[in-house]
Amino acid sequence: MKKVVILSAFLSPFRSGAEAMVEEVSKQLGGQYDITIVTGLYNHSLPRETELDGSGVRVIRVGIGRKIDKFLFPFLAIGVIRQRKPMIVHAVLESYAGFGLVLCRWFFPRAKRILTLQSTNTSFLLGPIHRSAQQLTAISSVLRERAKKFGNQKVHVIPNGVSLTAVQDALTFHERVVGRVLFVGRLEAMKGVDTLLCAFHDLVYSKSPKPFHRDVLHLRIVGDGSKRPELERMAKELHIADRVTFVGMLPPTAVYDEYAMAQVFCGLSRSEALGNVFIEAQAAGCAVVATHVGGIPDIVQNGQTGFLVEPDHEQSAAHAMLKLLSDDELRAKVTAAAQVHAKAFDWSHIAQLYAHLYG
């Protein structure tokens, strides 16, 4: 089997969209390729070397078990590549893994180099990082267009995906909770949770004559981050603290349970390369309200598979949520179309697109 080394500066338990792609694609392709994932250590309680969920995929963590590991990662990863002697080196995310690919270009020029673009929030050495790859993939059209500015005219758009079976399993165990709105993501400024709280306040205190269950409205915020204390204070100041639950971090299966019980998923990002959570919410039958930024329009077709609003516009978001919560027929139509749309994002399909590149 071909040896593949995947560079991913982070991995579970520090999992977000890029890390989900690394883990899920690797598990799908573990029987076709000899895959090693190189990632950072960050915590001494994590094993230096392990197998990824019984898939046969090897995980090697490098570093000293501190936050500085992300800066050490590109240099330490080279040592693992030297030992493994792979035919393919695949860097996922432009920053630390991307810089590792720059080094790989000089130290291991014979290895095929693939870069997967995952972020709109990095600018460090983007030119050299883009040029270090022989093949580029991007998770959204907005990243493909950025790559063209660096002279990369041929970029494969391969979105991140969703575990459809896991999502559908959750749907069999839970019923929708009337009036429940959900957010899943990091509690950082770019995610616009402050705007969401304002929009939810407007929804709770709306004077609209439209009939819906205002008395049972509840917002669940799943995730953690540096803005959590500020957001909790904000909920109190807006007099909605009794209707907002800050759930914290949850494992993926528990997140799927949250999707299964929510009527509306609302994510008001100010910046987003793609947004796995919107795919997951669609697959789970949530009515999605999102912002018209970054790669989100690749997923959410306004008025068809969800509603798009402008960032930092709580009135529009509140109005979209009101429409979906007060009109059962509209909500059913939107969620049905979204679930059909989400089928194209199953990880089994996404993994085979990467297998085609690996050859």
Protein backbone atom coordinates (compact mmCIF):
# COMPACT_ATOMS: atom_id res chain seq x y z
CA MET A 1 0.00 0.00 0.00
CA LYS A 2 1.09 3.56 -0.64
CA LYS A 3 2.45 5.34 2.41
CA VAL A 4 0.69 8.61 3.19
CA VAL A 5 1.63 11.08 5.91
CA ILE A 6 -1.08 13.60 6.82
CA LEU A 7 0.04 16.75 8.61
CA SER A 8 -2.57 18.18 10.95
CA ALA A 9 -1.33 20.46 13.73
CA PHE A 10 -4.40 19.58 15.81
CA LEU A 11 -6.54 16.48 16.26
CA SER A 12 -9.09 15.24 18.82
CA PRO A 13 -9.61 16.30 21.55
CA PHE A 14 -8.88 19.63 19.83
CA ARG A 15 -11.23 18.86 16.96
CA SER A 16 -12.90 21.38 14.69
CA GLY A 17 -13.81 21.21 10.98
CA ALA A 18 -10.32 20.62 9.60
CA GLU A 19 -9.55 17.99 12.21
CA ALA A 20 -12.87 16.25 11.54
CA MET A 21 -11.89 15.99 7.89
CA VAL A 22 -8.50 14.45 8.77
CA GLU A 23 -9.98 11.89 11.14
CA GLU A 24 -13.02 10.87 9.11
CA VAL A 25 -11.26 10.67 5.75
CA SER A 26 -8.35 8.73 7.29
CA LYS A 27 -10.71 6.20 8.86
CA GLN A 28 -12.47 5.69 5.54
CA LEU A 29 -9.17 5.20 3.65
CA GLY A 30 -7.28 3.23 6.30
CA GLY A 31 -7.78 -0.03 4.41
CA GLN A 32 -6.59 1.41 1.08
CA TYR A 33 -3.45 3.25 2.22
CA ASP A 34 -0.79 3.05 4.92
CA ILE A 35 -1.72 6.31 6.66
CA THR A 36 0.13 8.11 9.45
CA ILE A 37 -1.27 11.31 10.93
CA VAL A 38 1.27 13.65 12.51
CA THR A 39 -0.19 16.12 14.99
CA GLY A 40 0.81 18.14 18.06
CA LEU A 41 0.91 16.80 21.62
CA TYR A 42 -0.22 19.84 23.71
CA ASN A 43 -1.06 17.68 26.74
CA HIS A 44 1.08 15.00 28.42
CA SER A 45 -2.02 12.93 29.20
CA LEU A 46 -2.33 12.13 25.48
CA PRO A 47 -0.44 9.15 24.05
CA ARG A 48 2.59 9.87 21.88
CA GLU A 49 1.54 7.15 19.48
CA THR A 50 -1.83 5.47 19.04
CA GLU A 51 -4.27 4.05 16.50
CA LEU A 52 -7.24 6.06 15.29
CA ASP A 53 -10.41 4.31 16.43
CA GLY A 54 -9.27 0.84 15.37
CA SER A 55 -8.93 1.93 11.74
CA GLY A 56 -5.30 0.90 11.31
CA VAL A 57 -4.36 4.58 10.92
CA ARG A 58 -1.36 5.53 13.04
CA VAL A 59 -1.37 8.80 15.00
CA ILE A 60 1.96 10.27 16.10
CA ARG A 61 1.96 13.32 18.39
CA VAL A 62 5.02 15.55 18.49
CA GLY A 63 6.01 18.34 20.85
CA ILE A 64 6.63 19.01 24.54
CA GLY A 65 3.02 18.94 25.72
CA ARG A 66 2.52 22.72 25.77
CA LYS A 67 0.73 25.35 23.67
CA ILE A 68 4.05 26.10 21.97
CA ASP A 69 3.76 22.74 20.20
CA LYS A 70 1.87 24.38 17.32
CA PHE A 71 4.96 26.48 16.54
CA LEU A 72 7.28 23.49 16.88
CA PHE A 73 5.01 21.28 14.79
CA PRO A 74 6.30 22.06 11.26
CA PHE A 75 9.89 21.30 12.27
CA LEU A 76 9.16 18.20 14.37
CA ALA A 77 6.88 16.76 11.68
CA ILE A 78 9.85 16.63 9.32
CA GLY A 79 11.47 14.06 11.60
CA VAL A 80 8.46 11.76 11.31
CA ILE A 81 8.38 12.17 7.53
CA ARG A 82 12.05 11.21 7.41
CA GLN A 83 11.29 8.00 9.34
CA ARG A 84 8.17 7.06 7.39
CA LYS A 85 9.47 7.89 3.87
CA PRO A 86 5.96 8.39 2.41
CA MET A 87 5.03 8.63 -1.24
CA ILE A 88 2.46 11.32 -0.37
CA VAL A 89 2.51 14.15 2.17
CA HIS A 90 -0.89 15.77 2.68
CA ALA A 91 -1.04 18.97 4.75
CA VAL A 92 -4.45 19.99 6.05
CA LEU A 93 -4.96 23.66 6.88
CA GLU A 94 -2.76 26.47 5.62
CA SER A 95 -1.04 27.59 8.82
CA TYR A 96 1.22 25.22 10.79
CA ALA A 97 0.66 22.13 8.64
CA GLY A 98 1.03 24.28 5.54
CA PHE A 99 4.40 25.55 6.69
CA GLY A 100 5.39 21.94 7.30
CA LEU A 101 4.66 21.32 3.62
CA VAL A 102 6.97 24.22 2.71
CA LEU A 103 9.78 22.48 4.60
CA CYS A 104 8.84 19.16 3.02
CA ARG A 105 9.27 20.69 -0.41
CA TRP A 106 12.94 21.33 0.39
CA PHE A 107 13.78 18.25 2.45
CA PHE A 108 11.67 15.61 0.63
CA PRO A 109 11.16 16.82 -2.94
CA ARG A 110 10.30 13.34 -4.23
CA ALA A 111 7.16 13.02 -2.10
CA LYS A 112 3.91 14.08 -3.75
CA ARG A 113 2.70 17.17 -1.87
CA ILE A 114 -1.03 17.92 -1.41
CA LEU A 115 -2.43 20.91 0.48
CA THR A 116 -6.04 21.20 1.65
CA LEU A 117 -7.18 24.80 2.17
CA GLN A 118 -9.48 25.06 5.17
CA SER A 119 -9.38 28.60 6.57
CA THR A 120 -10.17 32.18 5.63
CA ASN A 121 -8.62 33.44 8.88
CA THR A 122 -4.91 33.06 8.24
CA SER A 123 -2.45 35.19 6.29
CA PHE A 124 0.95 33.90 7.43
CA LEU A 125 3.17 32.91 4.46
CA LEU A 126 0.15 32.13 2.30
CA GLY A 127 2.11 32.57 -0.95
CA PRO A 128 4.92 30.11 -0.13
CA ILE A 129 2.45 27.69 1.44
CA HIS A 130 0.23 27.65 -1.66
CA ARG A 131 3.25 27.24 -3.94
CA SER A 132 4.67 24.39 -1.87
CA ALA A 133 1.92 22.03 -3.05
CA GLN A 134 1.77 20.12 -6.31
CA GLN A 135 -1.98 19.65 -5.87
CA LEU A 136 -4.40 21.84 -3.98
CA THR A 137 -7.87 21.14 -2.66
CA ALA A 138 -10.20 23.69 -1.10
CA ILE A 139 -13.26 23.10 1.02
CA SER A 140 -15.18 25.96 -0.59
CA SER A 141 -15.31 28.13 -3.69
CA VAL A 142 -14.13 31.19 -1.74
CA LEU A 143 -10.87 29.40 -0.90
CA ARG A 144 -10.49 28.25 -4.49
CA GLU A 145 -10.72 31.86 -5.65
CA ARG A 146 -8.12 32.92 -3.11
CA ALA A 147 -5.77 30.21 -4.36
CA LYS A 148 -6.06 31.59 -7.89
CA LYS A 149 -4.61 34.88 -6.64
CA PHE A 150 -1.44 32.97 -5.78
CA GLY A 151 -1.21 31.50 -9.28
CA ASN A 152 -2.98 28.22 -8.57
CA GLN A 153 -5.48 27.88 -11.40
CA LYS A 154 -6.36 24.21 -10.89
CA VAL A 155 -7.85 23.66 -7.45
CA HIS A 156 -10.15 20.76 -6.58
CA VAL A 157 -13.09 21.81 -4.42
CA ILE A 158 -13.69 19.00 -1.94
CA PRO A 159 -15.94 20.10 0.94
CA ASN A 160 -15.84 18.77 4.44
CA GLY A 161 -18.50 16.24 5.26
CA VAL A 162 -20.80 14.67 7.79
CA SER A 163 -21.34 11.21 9.25
CA LEU A 164 -24.84 10.67 7.88
CA THR A 165 -25.33 7.34 9.64
CA ALA A 166 -24.46 8.82 13.04
CA VAL A 167 -26.78 11.77 12.49
CA GLN A 168 -29.63 9.54 11.35
CA ASP A 169 -29.12 7.25 14.36
CA ALA A 170 -29.64 10.24 16.66
CA LEU A 171 -32.89 11.08 14.88
CA THR A 172 -34.32 7.67 15.79
CA PHE A 173 -33.83 8.33 19.52
CA HIS A 174 -35.09 11.91 19.86
CA GLU A 175 -38.06 14.07 19.01
CA ARG A 176 -38.00 17.77 18.18
CA VAL A 177 -38.39 20.11 21.11
CA VAL A 178 -40.83 22.87 20.21
CA GLY A 179 -39.21 26.30 20.26
CA ARG A 180 -35.65 25.05 20.59
CA VAL A 181 -32.91 26.98 18.77
CA LEU A 182 -29.36 25.60 18.60
CA PHE A 183 -25.86 26.90 18.04
CA VAL A 184 -22.76 24.68 17.82
CA GLY A 185 -19.26 26.11 17.54
CA ARG A 186 -16.37 27.89 19.19
CA LEU A 187 -17.30 30.83 21.39
CA GLU A 188 -15.04 33.32 19.64
CA ALA A 189 -15.75 36.69 18.05
CA MET A 190 -15.76 35.35 14.49
CA LYS A 191 -18.73 33.08 15.25
CA GLY A 192 -21.08 35.99 15.96
CA VAL A 193 -22.69 34.48 19.06
CA ASP A 194 -23.16 38.00 20.45
CA THR A 195 -25.33 38.79 17.43
CA LEU A 196 -27.20 35.52 17.98
CA LEU A 197 -28.01 36.49 21.57
CA CYS A 198 -29.35 39.86 20.40
CA ALA A 199 -31.40 38.16 17.69
CA PHE A 200 -32.78 35.65 20.18
CA HIS A 201 -33.70 38.52 22.52
CA ASP A 202 -35.60 40.16 19.65
CA LEU A 203 -37.34 36.85 18.95
CA VAL A 204 -38.37 36.35 22.59
CA TYR A 205 -39.72 39.88 22.92
CA SER A 206 -41.15 40.09 19.40
CA LYS A 207 -44.50 41.84 19.03
CA SER A 208 -45.26 39.89 15.86
CA PRO A 209 -48.84 38.57 15.64
CA LYS A 210 -47.56 35.38 13.99
CA PRO A 211 -48.60 32.37 16.08
CA PHE A 212 -45.70 30.42 17.54
CA HIS A 213 -44.71 29.04 20.92
CA ARG A 214 -42.92 32.10 22.33
CA ASP A 215 -43.37 30.86 25.90
CA VAL A 216 -41.19 27.77 25.26
CA LEU A 217 -38.43 29.42 23.23
CA HIS A 218 -35.03 28.22 24.35
CA LEU A 219 -31.51 28.64 22.95
CA ARG A 220 -28.83 26.01 23.54
CA ILE A 221 -25.23 27.02 22.88
CA VAL A 222 -22.90 24.05 22.45
CA GLY A 223 -19.18 24.77 22.52
CA ASP A 224 -16.61 26.72 24.48
CA GLY A 225 -14.11 29.49 23.96
CA SER A 226 -12.61 32.69 25.27
CA LYS A 227 -15.83 34.68 24.85
CA ARG A 228 -17.98 32.43 27.03
CA PRO A 229 -17.88 34.56 30.24
CA GLU A 230 -18.67 37.69 28.23
CA LEU A 231 -21.54 35.96 26.42
CA GLU A 232 -23.00 34.62 29.68
CA ARG A 233 -22.99 38.16 31.10
CA MET A 234 -24.60 39.43 27.92
CA ALA A 235 -27.45 36.90 28.23
CA LYS A 236 -28.16 38.19 31.74
CA GLU A 237 -28.06 41.83 30.61
CA LEU A 238 -30.52 41.02 27.81
CA HIS A 239 -32.85 39.33 30.34
CA ILE A 240 -32.81 36.03 28.46
CA ALA A 241 -30.49 34.04 30.76
CA ASP A 242 -33.39 31.82 31.84
CA ARG A 243 -33.95 30.91 28.18
CA VAL A 244 -30.31 30.29 27.23
CA THR A 245 -28.23 27.24 28.20
CA PHE A 246 -24.46 27.27 27.73
CA VAL A 247 -23.89 23.54 27.32
CA GLY A 248 -20.09 23.57 26.85
CA MET A 249 -18.10 21.10 24.79
CA LEU A 250 -19.71 17.79 23.86
CA PRO A 251 -18.43 14.68 22.05
CA PRO A 252 -19.68 14.28 18.45
CA THR A 253 -22.41 11.75 19.28
CA ALA A 254 -23.88 14.07 21.92
CA VAL A 255 -23.78 16.96 19.45
CA TYR A 256 -25.82 14.87 17.01
CA ASP A 257 -28.39 14.41 19.79
CA GLU A 258 -28.59 18.20 20.10
CA TYR A 259 -29.24 18.59 16.38
CA ALA A 260 -31.94 15.93 16.52
CA MET A 261 -33.89 17.85 19.18
CA ALA A 262 -33.60 21.39 17.74
CA GLN A 263 -36.15 22.94 15.40
CA VAL A 264 -33.84 25.72 14.20
CA PHE A 265 -30.07 25.92 13.92
CA CYS A 266 -28.72 29.47 13.87
CA GLY A 267 -25.06 30.31 13.20
CA LEU A 268 -24.27 33.97 12.51
CA SER A 269 -20.58 33.74 11.61
CA ARG A 270 -18.63 36.83 10.61
CA SER A 271 -16.11 34.62 8.81
CA GLU A 272 -16.38 31.00 7.70
CA ALA A 273 -14.41 28.96 5.18
CA LEU A 274 -17.26 26.44 4.90
CA GLY A 275 -18.92 25.47 8.18
CA ASN A 276 -19.35 21.77 8.96
CA VAL A 277 -22.02 22.57 11.52
CA PHE A 278 -24.39 23.79 8.80
CA ILE A 279 -24.04 20.51 6.90
CA GLU A 280 -24.63 18.53 10.10
CA ALA A 281 -27.66 20.64 10.99
CA GLN A 282 -29.14 20.14 7.51
CA ALA A 283 -28.55 16.40 7.67
CA ALA A 284 -30.30 16.29 11.04
CA GLY A 285 -33.38 18.10 9.74
CA CYS A 286 -32.84 21.43 11.47
CA ALA A 287 -34.05 24.56 9.71
CA VAL A 288 -30.87 26.59 9.19
CA VAL A 289 -30.33 30.32 9.54
CA ALA A 290 -26.81 31.42 8.56
CA THR A 291 -24.86 34.38 7.27
CA HIS A 292 -23.96 35.20 3.69
CA VAL A 293 -20.19 35.03 4.23
CA GLY A 294 -17.27 32.88 3.07
CA GLY A 295 -18.17 29.38 1.98
CA ILE A 296 -21.56 29.19 3.71
CA PRO A 297 -23.50 29.94 0.48
CA ASP A 298 -21.90 26.78 -0.95
CA ILE A 299 -23.99 24.88 1.60
CA VAL A 300 -27.07 27.00 2.29
CA GLN A 301 -29.17 28.06 -0.69
CA ASN A 302 -31.21 31.01 0.52
CA GLY A 303 -34.92 30.21 0.69
CA GLN A 304 -34.40 26.61 -0.39
CA THR A 305 -32.17 24.73 2.09
CA GLY A 306 -32.10 27.48 4.72
CA PHE A 307 -32.10 31.25 5.10
CA LEU A 308 -29.11 33.57 4.69
CA VAL A 309 -28.79 36.95 6.39
CA GLU A 310 -26.04 39.53 6.54
CA PRO A 311 -23.56 39.29 9.45
CA ASP A 312 -24.12 41.55 12.49
CA HIS A 313 -27.78 42.03 11.55
CA GLU A 314 -29.76 40.65 14.47
CA GLN A 315 -33.11 41.94 13.18
CA SER A 316 -32.83 39.91 9.96
CA ALA A 317 -31.75 36.81 11.90
CA ALA A 318 -34.65 37.20 14.35
CA HIS A 319 -37.08 37.59 11.44
CA ALA A 320 -35.73 34.46 9.71
CA MET A 321 -36.04 32.43 12.92
CA LEU A 322 -39.57 33.74 13.43
CA LYS A 323 -40.58 32.68 9.91
CA LEU A 324 -39.28 29.16 10.41
CA LEU A 325 -40.69 28.69 13.91
CA SER A 326 -44.13 30.07 13.09
CA ASP A 327 -44.68 28.32 9.75
CA ASP A 328 -44.64 24.53 10.07
CA GLU A 329 -45.17 24.02 6.35
CA LEU A 330 -42.26 26.28 5.38
CA ARG A 331 -39.99 24.68 7.95
CA ALA A 332 -40.84 21.19 6.71
CA LYS A 333 -40.20 22.21 3.09
CA VAL A 334 -36.82 23.76 3.87
CA THR A 335 -35.61 20.90 6.08
CA ALA A 336 -36.66 18.24 3.56
CA ALA A 337 -34.70 19.96 0.78
CA ALA A 338 -31.72 20.41 3.11
CA GLN A 339 -31.63 16.73 4.08
CA VAL A 340 -31.55 15.70 0.43
CA HIS A 341 -28.78 18.24 -0.19
CA ALA A 342 -26.73 16.95 2.76
CA LYS A 343 -26.53 13.42 1.35
CA ALA A 344 -23.78 14.53 -1.04
CA PHE A 345 -21.58 15.38 1.95
CA ASP A 346 -21.30 11.92 3.52
CA TRP A 347 -17.71 11.22 4.55
CA SER A 348 -17.64 7.99 2.54
CA HIS A 349 -18.13 10.02 -0.65
CA ILE A 350 -15.71 12.77 0.39
CA ALA A 351 -13.00 10.21 1.23
CA GLN A 352 -13.11 8.71 -2.25
CA LEU A 353 -12.51 12.14 -3.77
CA TYR A 354 -9.26 12.28 -1.80
CA ALA A 355 -8.44 8.70 -2.80
CA HIS A 356 -8.66 9.80 -6.43
CA LEU A 357 -6.00 12.42 -5.73
CA TYR A 358 -3.79 9.95 -3.87
CA GLY A 359 -3.96 7.60 -6.87
